[in-house]
Amino acid sequence: MNIVTLLPFIVLIGAMFLMTRSAKNKQRQAAQMRDQMQPGTGVRTIGGMYATVKEVGDDTVLLEVAPGVHAVYAKNSVGAVLEDAEYNRIVHGIEPEGDLKVDGPFVPDDASTLTDGDAPATTGSDSAKIDLGKSDAADAKAQDAEQGEPKDTKADGDADAK
């Protein structure tokens, strides 16, 4: 046989080998992470629930999901073992002590910090206020009624059926 005809099969087998190897590596890392669980550590389940480990068994783990509320989970349901600082920041809202360094740009909580001073915002040279009321439509209906045009008395949802 010619090497050119075997090349697609060789590439396919190589790709399958690389994919299964990376999947096995991820499974091995997840198993090591689950083995690091000790009573008192904070975890996040694959469902997104944060809890504290109370007991670790062979295939199960006892988690305290709220003060005094315990639940038994499979070890495979633990998605991540969290560091104490990260767990306290997420669950209890406790920021770590010391020098805080922001790695990204400052994002304000609301838009009031984005405006310059207390000056009202204006667009272009026109600083007049815009009235968004329905007074023009109400005036048009009143003029139609005065001119004797038939008035539409239907309300929203009324039908024309007689």
N, C-alpha and C. Protein backbone atom coordinates (compact mmCIF):
# COMPACT_ATOMS: atom_id res chain seq x y z
N MET A 1 0.83 -1.19 0.00
CA MET A 1 0.00 0.00 0.00
C MET A 1 0.87 1.25 0.00
N ASN A 2 0.27 2.29 -0.44
CA ASN A 2 0.96 3.56 -0.53
C ASN A 2 0.84 4.32 0.80
N ILE A 3 1.85 5.06 1.19
CA ILE A 3 1.84 5.83 2.45
C ILE A 3 0.81 6.94 2.43
N VAL A 4 0.50 7.46 1.24
CA VAL A 4 -0.48 8.54 1.12
C VAL A 4 -1.88 8.04 1.49
N THR A 5 -2.19 6.80 1.19
CA THR A 5 -3.51 6.27 1.54
C THR A 5 -3.62 5.96 3.03
N LEU A 6 -2.50 5.67 3.67
CA LEU A 6 -2.52 5.38 5.11
C LEU A 6 -2.43 6.64 5.97
N LEU A 7 -2.02 7.75 5.41
CA LEU A 7 -1.82 8.99 6.17
C LEU A 7 -3.09 9.47 6.89
N PRO A 8 -4.27 9.52 6.26
CA PRO A 8 -5.47 9.96 7.00
C PRO A 8 -5.78 9.07 8.21
N PHE A 9 -5.57 7.78 8.09
CA PHE A 9 -5.82 6.88 9.22
C PHE A 9 -4.82 7.10 10.35
N ILE A 10 -3.58 7.36 10.01
CA ILE A 10 -2.56 7.63 11.01
C ILE A 10 -2.87 8.93 11.75
N VAL A 11 -3.28 9.95 11.03
CA VAL A 11 -3.64 11.23 11.65
C VAL A 11 -4.85 11.06 12.56
N LEU A 12 -5.84 10.31 12.13
CA LEU A 12 -7.04 10.09 12.93
C LEU A 12 -6.71 9.34 14.22
N ILE A 13 -5.90 8.32 14.14
CA ILE A 13 -5.51 7.55 15.33
C ILE A 13 -4.69 8.43 16.28
N GLY A 14 -3.81 9.25 15.73
CA GLY A 14 -3.01 10.17 16.57
C GLY A 14 -3.88 11.18 17.28
N ALA A 15 -4.89 11.74 16.60
CA ALA A 15 -5.79 12.71 17.23
C ALA A 15 -6.60 12.05 18.34
N MET A 16 -7.07 10.83 18.11
CA MET A 16 -7.82 10.12 19.14
C MET A 16 -6.95 9.85 20.36
N PHE A 17 -5.70 9.50 20.13
CA PHE A 17 -4.76 9.26 21.23
C PHE A 17 -4.56 10.51 22.06
N LEU A 18 -4.37 11.65 21.39
CA LEU A 18 -4.15 12.91 22.11
C LEU A 18 -5.38 13.33 22.90
N MET A 19 -6.57 13.12 22.36
CA MET A 19 -7.80 13.51 23.06
C MET A 19 -8.03 12.65 24.30
N THR A 20 -7.82 11.35 24.17
CA THR A 20 -8.02 10.49 25.34
C THR A 20 -6.96 10.74 26.41
N ARG A 21 -5.76 11.09 25.97
CA ARG A 21 -4.69 11.38 26.93
C ARG A 21 -5.01 12.63 27.74
N SER A 22 -5.52 13.69 27.09
CA SER A 22 -5.86 14.91 27.82
C SER A 22 -7.05 14.68 28.75
N ALA A 23 -8.02 13.86 28.33
CA ALA A 23 -9.17 13.57 29.19
C ALA A 23 -8.74 12.79 30.43
N LYS A 24 -7.83 11.84 30.24
CA LYS A 24 -7.33 11.08 31.39
C LYS A 24 -6.53 11.98 32.33
N ASN A 25 -5.80 12.93 31.78
CA ASN A 25 -5.04 13.87 32.60
C ASN A 25 -5.98 14.73 33.45
N LYS A 26 -7.09 15.19 32.86
CA LYS A 26 -8.07 15.99 33.61
C LYS A 26 -8.72 15.16 34.71
N GLN A 27 -9.03 13.90 34.43
CA GLN A 27 -9.62 13.03 35.44
C GLN A 27 -8.65 12.80 36.59
N ARG A 28 -7.39 12.64 36.28
CA ARG A 28 -6.37 12.42 37.30
C ARG A 28 -6.23 13.66 38.19
N GLN A 29 -6.24 14.85 37.57
CA GLN A 29 -6.15 16.08 38.35
C GLN A 29 -7.38 16.25 39.24
N ALA A 30 -8.56 15.91 38.75
CA ALA A 30 -9.78 16.02 39.55
C ALA A 30 -9.74 15.06 40.73
N ALA A 31 -9.22 13.85 40.52
CA ALA A 31 -9.11 12.88 41.61
C ALA A 31 -8.12 13.36 42.66
N GLN A 32 -7.01 13.96 42.24
CA GLN A 32 -6.04 14.51 43.21
C GLN A 32 -6.66 15.64 44.01
N MET A 33 -7.45 16.49 43.34
CA MET A 33 -8.10 17.60 44.03
C MET A 33 -9.08 17.07 45.08
N ARG A 34 -9.83 16.03 44.75
CA ARG A 34 -10.80 15.47 45.68
C ARG A 34 -10.10 14.78 46.85
N ASP A 35 -8.91 14.25 46.60
CA ASP A 35 -8.16 13.62 47.68
C ASP A 35 -7.60 14.65 48.66
N GLN A 36 -7.48 15.90 48.25
CA GLN A 36 -6.98 16.96 49.12
C GLN A 36 -8.04 17.45 50.10
N MET A 37 -9.29 17.01 49.92
CA MET A 37 -10.36 17.47 50.82
C MET A 37 -10.10 16.98 52.23
N GLN A 38 -10.22 17.91 53.17
CA GLN A 38 -10.10 17.60 54.59
C GLN A 38 -11.25 18.27 55.30
N PRO A 39 -11.63 17.78 56.47
CA PRO A 39 -12.69 18.47 57.22
C PRO A 39 -12.30 19.92 57.49
N GLY A 40 -13.24 20.81 57.20
CA GLY A 40 -13.02 22.23 57.42
C GLY A 40 -12.72 23.01 56.15
N THR A 41 -12.43 22.34 55.04
CA THR A 41 -12.16 23.06 53.80
C THR A 41 -13.45 23.41 53.09
N GLY A 42 -13.43 24.49 52.35
CA GLY A 42 -14.58 24.92 51.58
C GLY A 42 -14.54 24.33 50.19
N VAL A 43 -15.72 23.91 49.70
CA VAL A 43 -15.81 23.31 48.37
C VAL A 43 -16.98 23.92 47.61
N ARG A 44 -16.93 23.76 46.27
CA ARG A 44 -18.05 24.12 45.40
C ARG A 44 -18.45 22.85 44.67
N THR A 45 -19.73 22.51 44.72
CA THR A 45 -20.20 21.31 44.03
C THR A 45 -20.36 21.60 42.55
N ILE A 46 -20.56 20.54 41.76
CA ILE A 46 -20.74 20.74 40.33
C ILE A 46 -22.06 21.45 40.04
N GLY A 47 -22.96 21.49 41.02
CA GLY A 47 -24.21 22.22 40.88
C GLY A 47 -24.09 23.69 41.26
N GLY A 48 -22.91 24.10 41.77
CA GLY A 48 -22.69 25.50 42.11
C GLY A 48 -22.97 25.84 43.56
N MET A 49 -23.15 24.85 44.43
CA MET A 49 -23.42 25.11 45.83
C MET A 49 -22.10 25.13 46.61
N TYR A 50 -21.96 26.11 47.49
CA TYR A 50 -20.78 26.22 48.34
C TYR A 50 -21.08 25.59 49.69
N ALA A 51 -20.12 24.81 50.19
CA ALA A 51 -20.33 24.11 51.46
C ALA A 51 -18.98 23.88 52.12
N THR A 52 -19.04 23.45 53.40
CA THR A 52 -17.84 23.13 54.17
C THR A 52 -17.80 21.63 54.39
N VAL A 53 -16.63 21.03 54.20
CA VAL A 53 -16.47 19.58 54.37
C VAL A 53 -16.46 19.27 55.87
N LYS A 54 -17.27 18.28 56.27
CA LYS A 54 -17.30 17.83 57.66
C LYS A 54 -16.63 16.47 57.82
N GLU A 55 -16.91 15.53 56.93
CA GLU A 55 -16.31 14.20 56.96
C GLU A 55 -16.02 13.75 55.54
N VAL A 56 -14.94 12.98 55.38
CA VAL A 56 -14.59 12.44 54.08
C VAL A 56 -14.58 10.92 54.19
N GLY A 57 -15.38 10.26 53.35
CA GLY A 57 -15.41 8.79 53.32
C GLY A 57 -14.71 8.28 52.07
N ASP A 58 -14.90 7.00 51.77
CA ASP A 58 -14.28 6.42 50.59
C ASP A 58 -14.86 7.00 49.31
N ASP A 59 -16.19 6.94 49.18
CA ASP A 59 -16.85 7.43 47.97
C ASP A 59 -17.76 8.63 48.24
N THR A 60 -17.97 8.97 49.51
CA THR A 60 -18.89 10.06 49.85
C THR A 60 -18.18 11.09 50.70
N VAL A 61 -18.84 12.23 50.82
CA VAL A 61 -18.34 13.32 51.64
C VAL A 61 -19.55 13.97 52.32
N LEU A 62 -19.41 14.29 53.60
CA LEU A 62 -20.47 14.95 54.35
C LEU A 62 -20.19 16.44 54.31
N LEU A 63 -21.14 17.22 53.77
CA LEU A 63 -20.97 18.66 53.61
C LEU A 63 -21.96 19.40 54.49
N GLU A 64 -21.50 20.49 55.08
CA GLU A 64 -22.38 21.39 55.83
C GLU A 64 -22.77 22.51 54.87
N VAL A 65 -24.01 22.46 54.39
CA VAL A 65 -24.47 23.42 53.40
C VAL A 65 -24.98 24.71 54.02
N ALA A 66 -25.36 24.67 55.29
CA ALA A 66 -25.78 25.83 56.07
C ALA A 66 -25.47 25.48 57.52
N PRO A 67 -25.44 26.47 58.40
CA PRO A 67 -25.13 26.15 59.80
C PRO A 67 -26.13 25.13 60.36
N GLY A 68 -25.62 23.96 60.72
CA GLY A 68 -26.45 22.90 61.29
C GLY A 68 -27.13 22.02 60.26
N VAL A 69 -26.95 22.27 58.97
CA VAL A 69 -27.58 21.48 57.92
C VAL A 69 -26.49 20.69 57.21
N HIS A 70 -26.57 19.36 57.32
CA HIS A 70 -25.56 18.48 56.73
C HIS A 70 -26.20 17.64 55.63
N ALA A 71 -25.41 17.34 54.60
CA ALA A 71 -25.88 16.51 53.49
C ALA A 71 -24.73 15.63 53.02
N VAL A 72 -25.07 14.41 52.59
CA VAL A 72 -24.08 13.47 52.10
C VAL A 72 -24.05 13.56 50.57
N TYR A 73 -22.87 13.76 50.02
CA TYR A 73 -22.67 13.87 48.58
C TYR A 73 -21.66 12.85 48.11
N ALA A 74 -21.72 12.48 46.84
CA ALA A 74 -20.69 11.64 46.24
C ALA A 74 -19.45 12.50 46.03
N LYS A 75 -18.28 11.91 46.16
CA LYS A 75 -17.05 12.67 45.97
C LYS A 75 -16.98 13.26 44.56
N ASN A 76 -17.56 12.58 43.60
CA ASN A 76 -17.53 13.06 42.22
C ASN A 76 -18.34 14.34 42.03
N SER A 77 -19.23 14.65 42.98
CA SER A 77 -20.04 15.85 42.83
C SER A 77 -19.32 17.11 43.29
N VAL A 78 -18.13 16.97 43.84
CA VAL A 78 -17.34 18.14 44.25
C VAL A 78 -16.62 18.66 43.02
N GLY A 79 -16.91 19.90 42.66
CA GLY A 79 -16.31 20.48 41.46
C GLY A 79 -14.99 21.15 41.72
N ALA A 80 -14.82 21.76 42.91
CA ALA A 80 -13.58 22.46 43.22
C ALA A 80 -13.39 22.53 44.71
N VAL A 81 -12.15 22.38 45.13
CA VAL A 81 -11.76 22.60 46.52
C VAL A 81 -11.18 24.01 46.58
N LEU A 82 -11.78 24.86 47.40
CA LEU A 82 -11.42 26.28 47.44
C LEU A 82 -10.43 26.58 48.56
N GLU A 83 -9.62 27.60 48.33
CA GLU A 83 -8.74 28.09 49.39
C GLU A 83 -9.59 28.83 50.42
N ASP A 84 -9.09 28.94 51.65
CA ASP A 84 -9.86 29.58 52.72
C ASP A 84 -10.22 31.02 52.39
N ALA A 85 -9.28 31.78 51.84
CA ALA A 85 -9.55 33.18 51.53
C ALA A 85 -10.63 33.32 50.47
N GLU A 86 -10.58 32.48 49.44
CA GLU A 86 -11.58 32.55 48.38
C GLU A 86 -12.95 32.11 48.90
N TYR A 87 -12.99 31.05 49.70
CA TYR A 87 -14.26 30.57 50.26
C TYR A 87 -14.90 31.64 51.16
N ASN A 88 -14.11 32.27 52.03
CA ASN A 88 -14.64 33.32 52.90
C ASN A 88 -15.09 34.54 52.12
N ARG A 89 -14.40 34.87 51.04
CA ARG A 89 -14.80 36.01 50.22
C ARG A 89 -16.13 35.74 49.54
N ILE A 90 -16.31 34.54 49.01
CA ILE A 90 -17.53 34.22 48.27
C ILE A 90 -18.71 33.99 49.21
N VAL A 91 -18.53 33.18 50.23
CA VAL A 91 -19.66 32.77 51.08
C VAL A 91 -19.99 33.81 52.14
N HIS A 92 -18.97 34.31 52.83
CA HIS A 92 -19.21 35.21 53.96
C HIS A 92 -19.01 36.68 53.61
N GLY A 93 -18.47 36.97 52.43
CA GLY A 93 -18.23 38.35 52.03
C GLY A 93 -17.07 38.99 52.77
N ILE A 94 -16.17 38.19 53.31
CA ILE A 94 -15.04 38.71 54.07
C ILE A 94 -13.88 38.92 53.11
N GLU A 95 -13.46 40.17 52.97
CA GLU A 95 -12.32 40.49 52.12
C GLU A 95 -11.04 40.22 52.88
N PRO A 96 -10.00 39.73 52.21
CA PRO A 96 -8.74 39.47 52.90
C PRO A 96 -8.10 40.75 53.41
N GLU A 97 -7.45 40.66 54.55
CA GLU A 97 -6.77 41.80 55.15
C GLU A 97 -5.51 42.10 54.36
N GLY A 98 -5.02 43.33 54.50
CA GLY A 98 -3.74 43.68 53.88
C GLY A 98 -3.93 44.54 52.66
N ASP A 99 -2.86 44.65 51.90
CA ASP A 99 -2.82 45.51 50.74
C ASP A 99 -3.59 44.87 49.59
N LEU A 100 -4.67 45.51 49.17
CA LEU A 100 -5.45 45.00 48.06
C LEU A 100 -4.96 45.63 46.78
N LYS A 101 -4.69 44.82 45.80
CA LYS A 101 -4.23 45.31 44.52
C LYS A 101 -5.25 44.90 43.48
N VAL A 102 -5.80 45.88 42.76
CA VAL A 102 -6.77 45.60 41.73
C VAL A 102 -6.02 45.32 40.44
N ASP A 103 -6.30 44.17 39.82
CA ASP A 103 -5.57 43.77 38.63
C ASP A 103 -6.15 44.36 37.35
N GLY A 104 -7.38 44.79 37.37
CA GLY A 104 -8.01 45.28 36.15
C GLY A 104 -8.45 46.72 36.30
N PRO A 105 -9.17 47.22 35.32
CA PRO A 105 -9.66 48.59 35.40
C PRO A 105 -10.75 48.72 36.46
N PHE A 106 -10.88 49.93 37.02
CA PHE A 106 -11.88 50.19 38.03
C PHE A 106 -13.25 50.25 37.37
N VAL A 107 -14.21 49.49 37.88
CA VAL A 107 -15.57 49.49 37.36
C VAL A 107 -16.47 50.01 38.47
N PRO A 108 -17.14 51.16 38.27
CA PRO A 108 -17.98 51.73 39.32
C PRO A 108 -19.24 50.90 39.52
N ASP A 109 -19.83 51.02 40.72
CA ASP A 109 -21.06 50.30 41.02
C ASP A 109 -22.27 50.92 40.34
N ASP A 110 -22.24 52.22 40.11
CA ASP A 110 -23.36 52.88 39.46
C ASP A 110 -22.84 53.97 38.53
N ALA A 111 -23.72 54.56 37.75
CA ALA A 111 -23.31 55.54 36.75
C ALA A 111 -23.08 56.92 37.34
N SER A 112 -23.43 57.16 38.60
CA SER A 112 -23.28 58.49 39.17
C SER A 112 -21.82 58.90 39.28
N THR A 113 -20.91 57.96 39.38
CA THR A 113 -19.49 58.31 39.47
C THR A 113 -18.90 58.63 38.11
N LEU A 114 -19.64 58.39 37.04
CA LEU A 114 -19.13 58.65 35.70
C LEU A 114 -19.38 60.07 35.24
N THR A 115 -20.31 60.80 35.87
CA THR A 115 -20.61 62.15 35.46
C THR A 115 -19.66 63.13 36.13
N ASP A 116 -19.42 64.24 35.46
CA ASP A 116 -18.52 65.27 35.99
C ASP A 116 -19.31 66.26 36.83
N GLY A 117 -19.14 66.22 38.11
CA GLY A 117 -19.78 67.17 39.02
C GLY A 117 -21.28 66.97 39.08
N ASP A 118 -21.98 68.07 39.47
CA ASP A 118 -23.43 68.03 39.61
C ASP A 118 -24.14 68.69 38.45
N ALA A 119 -23.43 69.04 37.39
CA ALA A 119 -24.04 69.71 36.26
C ALA A 119 -24.97 68.75 35.53
N PRO A 120 -26.15 69.25 35.09
CA PRO A 120 -27.05 68.37 34.36
C PRO A 120 -26.47 68.04 32.99
N ALA A 121 -26.77 66.85 32.53
CA ALA A 121 -26.27 66.42 31.23
C ALA A 121 -27.06 67.08 30.13
N THR A 122 -26.39 67.63 29.13
CA THR A 122 -27.05 68.25 27.99
C THR A 122 -26.51 67.62 26.72
N THR A 123 -27.34 67.65 25.69
CA THR A 123 -26.92 67.12 24.41
C THR A 123 -26.83 68.27 23.43
N GLY A 124 -25.66 68.49 22.88
CA GLY A 124 -25.47 69.56 21.91
C GLY A 124 -25.67 70.92 22.55
N SER A 125 -26.18 71.90 21.74
CA SER A 125 -26.40 73.25 22.25
C SER A 125 -27.80 73.42 22.82
N ASP A 126 -28.68 72.45 22.59
CA ASP A 126 -30.06 72.54 23.07
C ASP A 126 -30.12 71.99 24.49
N SER A 127 -30.32 72.89 25.46
CA SER A 127 -30.38 72.45 26.84
C SER A 127 -31.80 72.45 27.38
N ALA A 128 -32.80 72.62 26.51
CA ALA A 128 -34.20 72.62 26.95
C ALA A 128 -34.62 71.19 27.29
N LYS A 129 -35.53 71.09 28.26
CA LYS A 129 -36.02 69.78 28.65
C LYS A 129 -36.99 69.26 27.61
N ILE A 130 -36.98 67.98 27.41
CA ILE A 130 -37.87 67.34 26.45
C ILE A 130 -39.04 66.77 27.20
N ASP A 131 -40.27 67.11 26.77
CA ASP A 131 -41.48 66.61 27.40
C ASP A 131 -41.90 65.33 26.67
N LEU A 132 -41.89 64.23 27.39
CA LEU A 132 -42.24 62.95 26.80
C LEU A 132 -43.67 62.54 27.11
N GLY A 133 -44.49 63.49 27.53
CA GLY A 133 -45.88 63.19 27.87
C GLY A 133 -46.73 62.95 26.64
N LYS A 134 -47.99 62.60 26.87
CA LYS A 134 -48.92 62.30 25.78
C LYS A 134 -49.88 63.46 25.54
N SER A 135 -49.47 64.68 25.84
CA SER A 135 -50.38 65.82 25.72
C SER A 135 -50.78 66.09 24.28
N ASP A 136 -49.91 65.89 23.30
CA ASP A 136 -50.24 66.13 21.90
C ASP A 136 -51.34 65.17 21.44
N ALA A 137 -51.26 63.93 21.82
CA ALA A 137 -52.27 62.95 21.43
C ALA A 137 -53.60 63.25 22.11
N ALA A 138 -53.56 63.68 23.35
CA ALA A 138 -54.80 64.01 24.05
C ALA A 138 -55.44 65.24 23.43
N ASP A 139 -54.63 66.22 23.01
CA ASP A 139 -55.18 67.42 22.36
C ASP A 139 -55.81 67.06 21.02
N ALA A 140 -55.21 66.14 20.27
CA ALA A 140 -55.77 65.74 18.98
C ALA A 140 -57.11 65.05 19.16
N LYS A 141 -57.27 64.23 20.17
CA LYS A 141 -58.55 63.56 20.42
C LYS A 141 -59.62 64.57 20.82
N ALA A 142 -59.23 65.55 21.61
CA ALA A 142 -60.19 66.57 22.03
C ALA A 142 -60.65 67.39 20.83
N GLN A 143 -59.75 67.73 19.91
CA GLN A 143 -60.14 68.50 18.72
C GLN A 143 -61.05 67.68 17.83
N ASP A 144 -60.79 66.39 17.68
CA ASP A 144 -61.66 65.53 16.87
C ASP A 144 -63.06 65.48 17.46
N ALA A 145 -63.18 65.45 18.77
CA ALA A 145 -64.49 65.39 19.42
C ALA A 145 -65.24 66.70 19.20
N GLU A 146 -64.54 67.84 19.22
CA GLU A 146 -65.18 69.13 19.02
C GLU A 146 -65.67 69.30 17.60
N GLN A 147 -64.98 68.72 16.63
CA GLN A 147 -65.35 68.87 15.22
C GLN A 147 -66.49 67.95 14.84
N GLY A 148 -66.93 67.11 15.70
CA GLY A 148 -68.08 66.27 15.44
C GLY A 148 -67.73 64.95 14.76
N GLU A 149 -66.49 64.62 14.69
CA GLU A 149 -66.12 63.34 14.10
C GLU A 149 -66.54 62.22 15.04
N PRO A 150 -66.89 61.06 14.50
CA PRO A 150 -67.29 59.95 15.38
C PRO A 150 -66.15 59.55 16.30
N LYS A 151 -66.51 59.33 17.51
CA LYS A 151 -65.52 59.01 18.53
C LYS A 151 -65.42 57.51 18.69
N ASP A 152 -64.23 56.99 18.75
CA ASP A 152 -63.98 55.57 18.95
C ASP A 152 -64.05 55.31 20.45
N THR A 153 -65.08 54.62 20.89
CA THR A 153 -65.27 54.40 22.32
C THR A 153 -64.76 53.05 22.78
N LYS A 154 -64.13 52.30 21.89
CA LYS A 154 -63.62 50.98 22.27
C LYS A 154 -62.43 51.15 23.21
N ALA A 155 -62.41 50.31 24.20
CA ALA A 155 -61.26 50.24 25.09
C ALA A 155 -60.36 49.10 24.61
N ASP A 156 -59.19 49.02 25.18
CA ASP A 156 -58.28 47.94 24.82
C ASP A 156 -58.93 46.58 25.08
N GLY A 157 -58.90 45.73 24.10
CA GLY A 157 -59.44 44.39 24.27
C GLY A 157 -60.90 44.25 23.90
N ASP A 158 -61.61 45.36 23.64
CA ASP A 158 -63.02 45.27 23.23
C ASP A 158 -63.10 44.83 21.78
N ALA A 159 -64.17 44.13 21.43
CA ALA A 159 -64.34 43.61 20.08
C ALA A 159 -65.41 44.41 19.36
N ASP A 160 -65.43 44.29 18.03
CA ASP A 160 -66.43 44.97 17.21
C ASP A 160 -67.70 44.16 17.06
N ALA A 161 -67.75 42.97 17.57
CA ALA A 161 -68.91 42.08 17.37
C ALA A 161 -70.16 42.68 17.98
N LYS A 162 -71.28 42.49 17.26
CA LYS A 162 -72.57 42.99 17.75
C LYS A 162 -73.49 41.85 18.03
